Amino acid sequence: MTKRLWKIAVRIILIGCVSFLFGLKFGIGWLLGCGAAVLLYYRNESYWNAVMDTGSAGRWTGSAHFLINYAIMAVTLIAGAKFPKYINIFTTAAGMFLIKMTALVGEGLGKGRDDEYGDSV
């Protein structure tokens, strides 16, 4: 993602922090989901960069990568389900859509100066 899209992501996270006004468990769920989304983004980015650098990936390499990704998603949502007193599962799920929301908002706003030359972080 470009610097511009990361700035949009931070703004979406801050807007989502309004959920703290509805209760602590809503805000914690939001931040937990956003944290999982960012972790998954970096895992995918490093995985695909490694695949492109080596030019190949084994069957088990890809399977293990996706199993770990699904495990991260599952643990995040199970935490919301197991500890409803402290974490709201719905705001956790909404937070996990952070990267998708960022992409949609970024496309809706159009290209920025940072995107012109493909500057990425």
Protein backbone atom coordinates (compact mmCIF):
# COMPACT_ATOMS: atom_id res chain seq x y z
CA MET A 1 0.00 0.00 0.00
CA THR A 2 1.10 3.53 -0.62
CA LYS A 3 1.75 6.13 2.04
CA ARG A 4 -1.51 7.78 1.08
CA LEU A 5 -3.47 4.58 1.68
CA TRP A 6 -1.80 4.06 5.06
CA LYS A 7 -2.87 7.60 6.00
CA ILE A 8 -6.43 6.71 4.98
CA ALA A 9 -6.20 3.51 7.05
CA VAL A 10 -5.12 5.47 10.13
CA ARG A 11 -8.03 7.85 9.63
CA ILE A 12 -10.46 4.93 9.35
CA ILE A 13 -9.04 3.47 12.56
CA LEU A 14 -9.47 6.80 14.33
CA ILE A 15 -13.04 7.15 13.04
CA GLY A 16 -13.74 3.62 14.24
CA CYS A 17 -12.45 4.56 17.69
CA VAL A 18 -15.73 6.43 18.07
CA SER A 19 -17.00 2.98 19.08
CA PHE A 20 -15.32 3.59 22.46
CA LEU A 21 -18.17 6.02 23.13
CA PHE A 22 -20.62 3.11 23.04
CA GLY A 23 -18.58 1.06 25.48
CA LEU A 24 -15.08 -0.14 26.17
CA LYS A 25 -15.75 -3.60 24.70
CA PHE A 26 -16.76 -2.07 21.36
CA GLY A 27 -13.55 -0.05 21.10
CA ILE A 28 -11.37 -2.98 22.15
CA GLY A 29 -13.06 -5.16 19.54
CA TRP A 30 -12.47 -2.54 16.86
CA LEU A 31 -8.78 -2.19 17.71
CA LEU A 32 -8.33 -5.97 17.94
CA GLY A 33 -9.88 -6.43 14.50
CA CYS A 34 -7.80 -3.63 12.98
CA GLY A 35 -4.64 -5.09 14.52
CA ALA A 36 -5.44 -8.48 13.01
CA ALA A 37 -6.11 -6.87 9.61
CA VAL A 38 -2.75 -5.08 9.61
CA LEU A 39 -0.96 -8.25 10.73
CA LEU A 40 -2.61 -10.26 7.95
CA TYR A 41 -1.74 -7.58 5.40
CA TYR A 42 1.95 -7.69 6.33
CA ARG A 43 1.95 -11.51 6.35
CA ASN A 44 0.45 -11.58 2.86
CA GLU A 45 2.78 -8.88 1.59
CA SER A 46 5.90 -10.67 2.84
CA TYR A 47 4.65 -14.03 1.56
CA TRP A 48 3.92 -12.80 -1.96
CA ASN A 49 7.15 -10.80 -2.11
CA ALA A 50 9.05 -13.97 -1.17
CA VAL A 51 7.18 -15.96 -3.81
CA MET A 52 7.93 -13.36 -6.47
CA ASP A 53 11.61 -13.17 -5.45
CA THR A 54 12.14 -16.93 -5.58
CA GLY A 55 9.87 -17.46 -8.55
CA SER A 56 8.15 -20.48 -7.03
CA ALA A 57 6.34 -21.74 -3.98
CA GLY A 58 5.83 -25.28 -2.82
CA ARG A 59 2.42 -26.76 -2.23
CA TRP A 60 2.96 -26.92 1.51
CA THR A 61 4.38 -23.41 1.68
CA GLY A 62 1.16 -21.91 0.37
CA SER A 63 -1.05 -24.22 2.40
CA ALA A 64 0.79 -23.42 5.62
CA HIS A 65 0.62 -19.70 4.90
CA PHE A 66 -3.13 -19.73 4.39
CA LEU A 67 -3.72 -22.03 7.38
CA ILE A 68 -1.83 -19.60 9.60
CA ASN A 69 -3.81 -16.68 8.16
CA TYR A 70 -7.10 -18.45 8.86
CA ALA A 71 -5.88 -19.33 12.34
CA ILE A 72 -5.15 -15.65 13.04
CA MET A 73 -8.65 -14.71 11.87
CA ALA A 74 -10.21 -17.51 13.90
CA VAL A 75 -8.34 -16.65 17.10
CA THR A 76 -9.34 -13.01 16.74
CA LEU A 77 -13.02 -13.81 16.31
CA ILE A 78 -13.00 -16.55 18.96
CA ALA A 79 -11.58 -14.04 21.43
CA GLY A 80 -14.62 -11.87 20.75
CA ALA A 81 -16.95 -14.84 21.16
CA LYS A 82 -15.30 -16.21 24.33
CA PHE A 83 -14.93 -12.88 26.11
CA PRO A 84 -18.09 -10.91 25.25
CA LYS A 85 -17.75 -8.95 28.48
CA TYR A 86 -14.48 -7.41 27.24
CA ILE A 87 -14.56 -7.70 23.43
CA ASN A 88 -17.45 -7.21 21.03
CA ILE A 89 -17.32 -9.77 18.22
CA PHE A 90 -19.15 -7.55 15.72
CA THR A 91 -16.75 -4.63 16.02
CA THR A 92 -13.90 -7.13 15.87
CA ALA A 93 -15.26 -8.46 12.58
CA ALA A 94 -15.75 -4.91 11.28
CA GLY A 95 -12.16 -4.03 12.19
CA MET A 96 -10.90 -7.01 10.24
CA PHE A 97 -12.24 -5.32 7.10
CA LEU A 98 -9.82 -2.40 7.55
CA ILE A 99 -7.71 -3.10 4.47
CA LYS A 100 -10.79 -3.59 2.30
CA MET A 101 -12.34 -0.36 3.60
CA THR A 102 -9.07 1.45 2.93
CA ALA A 103 -8.95 0.18 -0.64
CA LEU A 104 -12.55 1.23 -1.28
CA VAL A 105 -12.11 4.70 0.20
CA GLY A 106 -8.80 5.15 -1.62
CA GLU A 107 -10.40 4.25 -4.95
CA GLY A 108 -13.39 6.44 -4.21
CA LEU A 109 -11.18 9.45 -3.55
CA GLY A 110 -9.14 8.90 -6.71
CA LYS A 111 -5.40 8.99 -7.18
CA GLY A 112 -3.32 11.19 -4.95
CA ARG A 113 0.10 12.71 -5.41
CA ASP A 114 1.78 9.78 -3.63
CA ASP A 115 0.17 7.29 -6.00
CA GLU A 116 1.40 8.98 -9.16
CA TYR A 117 4.80 7.30 -9.10
CA GLY A 118 3.80 4.19 -7.20
CA ASP A 119 5.47 5.18 -3.93
CA SER A 120 4.85 2.37 -1.52
CA VAL A 121 5.88 1.71 2.03
